[in-house]
Amino acid sequence: MAKTYIEERAIELAHYVIENKSTVREAAKKFYISKSTVHKDIAERLALLDRDLYLEVKQVLEENKAERHLRGGMATRRKYLEETVKQHIR
């Protein structure tokens, strides 16, 4: 039986996330789909299509989730450093 476009997309998304250690947001941007669609493809569709691949991508996403607070902190730091630089230039 041939895979549908959505099934192929779910597998392609999983490979992209694993190879690039990307976040759901990054994958959504790359594939021009919503974060909800990425999540549904990976969490629901992929689990039924390829259990081993699902478990592998799930591990990457769990690592991303654990590091999320660090990335947020770095973004906030960068924001305030840029503001400080702009104030000194004025």
N, C-alpha and C. Protein backbone atom coordinates (compact mmCIF):
# COMPACT_ATOMS: atom_id res chain seq x y z
N MET A 1 0.84 -1.19 0.00
CA MET A 1 0.00 0.00 0.00
C MET A 1 0.88 1.25 0.00
N ALA A 2 0.61 2.17 -0.87
CA ALA A 2 1.40 3.41 -0.97
C ALA A 2 1.08 4.34 0.19
N LYS A 3 2.11 5.03 0.65
CA LYS A 3 1.92 5.99 1.74
C LYS A 3 1.27 7.26 1.19
N THR A 4 0.44 7.86 2.00
CA THR A 4 -0.19 9.12 1.62
C THR A 4 0.82 10.25 1.82
N TYR A 5 0.49 11.42 1.29
CA TYR A 5 1.33 12.60 1.45
C TYR A 5 1.57 12.90 2.92
N ILE A 6 0.52 12.80 3.72
CA ILE A 6 0.64 13.12 5.15
C ILE A 6 1.55 12.13 5.86
N GLU A 7 1.46 10.86 5.52
CA GLU A 7 2.33 9.86 6.13
C GLU A 7 3.79 10.11 5.73
N GLU A 8 4.00 10.43 4.46
CA GLU A 8 5.36 10.74 4.01
C GLU A 8 5.90 11.97 4.71
N ARG A 9 5.04 12.98 4.89
CA ARG A 9 5.45 14.21 5.57
C ARG A 9 5.83 13.92 7.02
N ALA A 10 5.08 13.08 7.69
CA ALA A 10 5.38 12.74 9.08
C ALA A 10 6.75 12.08 9.20
N ILE A 11 7.05 11.20 8.28
CA ILE A 11 8.36 10.53 8.30
C ILE A 11 9.47 11.51 7.96
N GLU A 12 9.23 12.36 6.98
CA GLU A 12 10.22 13.36 6.59
C GLU A 12 10.48 14.35 7.74
N LEU A 13 9.42 14.75 8.42
CA LEU A 13 9.56 15.64 9.58
C LEU A 13 10.42 15.00 10.66
N ALA A 14 10.15 13.73 10.92
CA ALA A 14 10.90 13.02 11.95
C ALA A 14 12.38 12.99 11.61
N HIS A 15 12.70 12.66 10.38
CA HIS A 15 14.11 12.62 9.97
C HIS A 15 14.75 14.00 10.09
N TYR A 16 14.03 15.03 9.71
CA TYR A 16 14.55 16.40 9.81
C TYR A 16 14.85 16.76 11.27
N VAL A 17 13.91 16.48 12.16
CA VAL A 17 14.07 16.81 13.58
C VAL A 17 15.27 16.06 14.16
N ILE A 18 15.39 14.80 13.83
CA ILE A 18 16.48 13.98 14.37
C ILE A 18 17.83 14.46 13.83
N GLU A 19 17.93 14.64 12.52
CA GLU A 19 19.20 15.02 11.91
C GLU A 19 19.68 16.40 12.34
N ASN A 20 18.73 17.32 12.53
CA ASN A 20 19.09 18.71 12.86
C ASN A 20 18.88 19.05 14.33
N LYS A 21 18.42 18.09 15.10
CA LYS A 21 18.09 18.34 16.52
C LYS A 21 17.20 19.58 16.63
N SER A 22 16.28 19.71 15.68
CA SER A 22 15.47 20.92 15.61
C SER A 22 14.27 20.86 16.55
N THR A 23 13.73 22.01 16.82
CA THR A 23 12.53 22.13 17.64
C THR A 23 11.30 21.99 16.74
N VAL A 24 10.15 21.85 17.36
CA VAL A 24 8.89 21.79 16.62
C VAL A 24 8.72 23.09 15.83
N ARG A 25 9.04 24.19 16.45
CA ARG A 25 8.91 25.50 15.79
C ARG A 25 9.81 25.59 14.55
N GLU A 26 11.04 25.13 14.66
CA GLU A 26 11.96 25.16 13.52
C GLU A 26 11.48 24.24 12.40
N ALA A 27 10.99 23.07 12.75
CA ALA A 27 10.48 22.13 11.74
C ALA A 27 9.26 22.71 11.04
N ALA A 28 8.38 23.34 11.81
CA ALA A 28 7.18 23.95 11.22
C ALA A 28 7.57 25.02 10.21
N LYS A 29 8.53 25.82 10.57
CA LYS A 29 8.99 26.89 9.68
C LYS A 29 9.59 26.31 8.40
N LYS A 30 10.41 25.28 8.54
CA LYS A 30 11.08 24.65 7.40
C LYS A 30 10.07 24.03 6.42
N PHE A 31 9.02 23.40 6.96
CA PHE A 31 8.04 22.69 6.12
C PHE A 31 6.81 23.53 5.80
N TYR A 32 6.81 24.78 6.25
CA TYR A 32 5.68 25.70 5.99
C TYR A 32 4.35 25.13 6.48
N ILE A 33 4.38 24.59 7.69
CA ILE A 33 3.15 24.09 8.33
C ILE A 33 3.12 24.61 9.76
N SER A 34 1.99 24.44 10.43
CA SER A 34 1.86 24.95 11.79
C SER A 34 2.56 24.02 12.79
N LYS A 35 2.85 24.57 13.96
CA LYS A 35 3.44 23.78 15.03
C LYS A 35 2.49 22.65 15.43
N SER A 36 1.19 22.93 15.40
CA SER A 36 0.19 21.92 15.75
C SER A 36 0.25 20.75 14.78
N THR A 37 0.45 21.06 13.50
CA THR A 37 0.53 20.00 12.49
C THR A 37 1.78 19.16 12.69
N VAL A 38 2.90 19.81 13.00
CA VAL A 38 4.14 19.07 13.27
C VAL A 38 3.91 18.13 14.45
N HIS A 39 3.33 18.66 15.50
CA HIS A 39 3.10 17.85 16.69
C HIS A 39 2.17 16.67 16.38
N LYS A 40 1.10 16.92 15.65
CA LYS A 40 0.15 15.85 15.32
C LYS A 40 0.82 14.79 14.44
N ASP A 41 1.60 15.25 13.46
CA ASP A 41 2.30 14.31 12.58
C ASP A 41 3.24 13.42 13.38
N ILE A 42 3.98 14.02 14.29
CA ILE A 42 4.98 13.26 15.03
C ILE A 42 4.36 12.45 16.17
N ALA A 43 3.51 13.08 16.95
CA ALA A 43 2.98 12.42 18.15
C ALA A 43 1.91 11.37 17.84
N GLU A 44 1.10 11.60 16.81
CA GLU A 44 0.02 10.67 16.54
C GLU A 44 0.28 9.80 15.31
N ARG A 45 0.52 10.44 14.19
CA ARG A 45 0.65 9.69 12.94
C ARG A 45 1.91 8.83 12.91
N LEU A 46 3.04 9.41 13.28
CA LEU A 46 4.30 8.68 13.22
C LEU A 46 4.30 7.50 14.19
N ALA A 47 3.68 7.67 15.33
CA ALA A 47 3.62 6.58 16.32
C ALA A 47 2.96 5.34 15.72
N LEU A 48 2.01 5.53 14.84
CA LEU A 48 1.32 4.42 14.19
C LEU A 48 2.09 3.88 12.98
N LEU A 49 2.84 4.76 12.33
CA LEU A 49 3.56 4.38 11.11
C LEU A 49 4.88 3.66 11.37
N ASP A 50 5.68 4.23 12.27
CA ASP A 50 7.04 3.71 12.51
C ASP A 50 7.40 3.95 13.97
N ARG A 51 7.14 2.97 14.78
CA ARG A 51 7.32 3.11 16.24
C ARG A 51 8.76 3.46 16.62
N ASP A 52 9.74 2.82 15.98
CA ASP A 52 11.15 3.09 16.32
C ASP A 52 11.54 4.53 15.99
N LEU A 53 11.13 4.98 14.82
CA LEU A 53 11.41 6.36 14.42
C LEU A 53 10.71 7.34 15.36
N TYR A 54 9.48 7.01 15.74
CA TYR A 54 8.72 7.84 16.69
C TYR A 54 9.48 7.97 18.01
N LEU A 55 9.98 6.87 18.53
CA LEU A 55 10.69 6.91 19.81
C LEU A 55 11.97 7.73 19.70
N GLU A 56 12.63 7.65 18.55
CA GLU A 56 13.87 8.42 18.34
C GLU A 56 13.58 9.92 18.30
N VAL A 57 12.56 10.32 17.56
CA VAL A 57 12.24 11.74 17.45
C VAL A 57 11.67 12.26 18.77
N LYS A 58 10.95 11.41 19.47
CA LYS A 58 10.40 11.80 20.77
C LYS A 58 11.52 12.15 21.75
N GLN A 59 12.60 11.39 21.69
CA GLN A 59 13.74 11.65 22.56
C GLN A 59 14.35 13.02 22.26
N VAL A 60 14.49 13.37 20.99
CA VAL A 60 15.04 14.68 20.61
C VAL A 60 14.12 15.79 21.13
N LEU A 61 12.81 15.62 20.94
CA LEU A 61 11.86 16.65 21.38
C LEU A 61 11.85 16.78 22.90
N GLU A 62 12.04 15.70 23.61
CA GLU A 62 12.10 15.77 25.08
C GLU A 62 13.36 16.52 25.53
N GLU A 63 14.47 16.30 24.83
CA GLU A 63 15.70 17.04 25.14
C GLU A 63 15.48 18.53 24.89
N ASN A 64 14.83 18.87 23.78
CA ASN A 64 14.54 20.27 23.48
C ASN A 64 13.67 20.88 24.57
N LYS A 65 12.69 20.13 25.01
CA LYS A 65 11.78 20.65 26.04
C LYS A 65 12.54 20.90 27.34
N ALA A 66 13.47 20.01 27.67
CA ALA A 66 14.25 20.17 28.89
C ALA A 66 15.18 21.38 28.81
N GLU A 67 15.60 21.74 27.60
CA GLU A 67 16.51 22.87 27.41
C GLU A 67 15.79 24.18 27.11
N ARG A 68 14.49 24.12 26.98
CA ARG A 68 13.71 25.29 26.56
C ARG A 68 13.95 26.50 27.45
N HIS A 69 13.98 26.29 28.74
CA HIS A 69 14.16 27.42 29.66
C HIS A 69 15.53 28.08 29.47
N LEU A 70 16.52 27.30 29.06
CA LEU A 70 17.85 27.87 28.81
C LEU A 70 17.84 28.76 27.57
N ARG A 71 17.20 28.27 26.50
CA ARG A 71 17.11 29.07 25.27
C ARG A 71 16.33 30.36 25.52
N GLY A 72 15.28 30.28 26.32
CA GLY A 72 14.49 31.47 26.64
C GLY A 72 15.31 32.48 27.41
N GLY A 73 16.10 32.01 28.33
CA GLY A 73 16.96 32.89 29.12
C GLY A 73 18.02 33.55 28.25
N MET A 74 18.56 32.79 27.32
CA MET A 74 19.57 33.36 26.42
C MET A 74 18.95 34.42 25.52
N ALA A 75 17.73 34.19 25.06
CA ALA A 75 17.06 35.17 24.20
C ALA A 75 16.78 36.46 24.97
N THR A 76 16.37 36.33 26.22
CA THR A 76 16.11 37.51 27.04
C THR A 76 17.41 38.28 27.28
N ARG A 77 18.47 37.58 27.56
CA ARG A 77 19.77 38.22 27.78
C ARG A 77 20.20 38.99 26.54
N ARG A 78 20.07 38.35 25.39
CA ARG A 78 20.43 38.98 24.12
C ARG A 78 19.61 40.24 23.88
N LYS A 79 18.32 40.16 24.19
CA LYS A 79 17.43 41.30 24.00
C LYS A 79 17.90 42.51 24.82
N TYR A 80 18.20 42.28 26.09
CA TYR A 80 18.60 43.39 26.94
C TYR A 80 20.00 43.90 26.61
N LEU A 81 20.87 43.03 26.15
CA LEU A 81 22.19 43.50 25.72
C LEU A 81 22.06 44.41 24.50
N GLU A 82 21.19 44.04 23.56
CA GLU A 82 20.97 44.87 22.37
C GLU A 82 20.39 46.22 22.77
N GLU A 83 19.46 46.23 23.70
CA GLU A 83 18.87 47.50 24.17
C GLU A 83 19.93 48.37 24.82
N THR A 84 20.81 47.78 25.59
CA THR A 84 21.87 48.53 26.26
C THR A 84 22.81 49.15 25.23
N VAL A 85 23.15 48.39 24.23
CA VAL A 85 24.03 48.89 23.16
C VAL A 85 23.37 50.06 22.45
N LYS A 86 22.09 49.95 22.13
CA LYS A 86 21.36 51.01 21.45
C LYS A 86 21.33 52.28 22.29
N GLN A 87 21.17 52.15 23.60
CA GLN A 87 21.14 53.32 24.48
C GLN A 87 22.49 54.03 24.50
N HIS A 88 23.57 53.28 24.44
CA HIS A 88 24.91 53.89 24.47
C HIS A 88 25.26 54.54 23.14
N ILE A 89 24.65 54.09 22.07
CA ILE A 89 24.91 54.67 20.75
C ILE A 89 24.24 56.02 20.61
N ARG A 90 23.07 56.17 21.22
CA ARG A 90 22.31 57.41 21.10
C ARG A 90 23.02 58.57 21.67
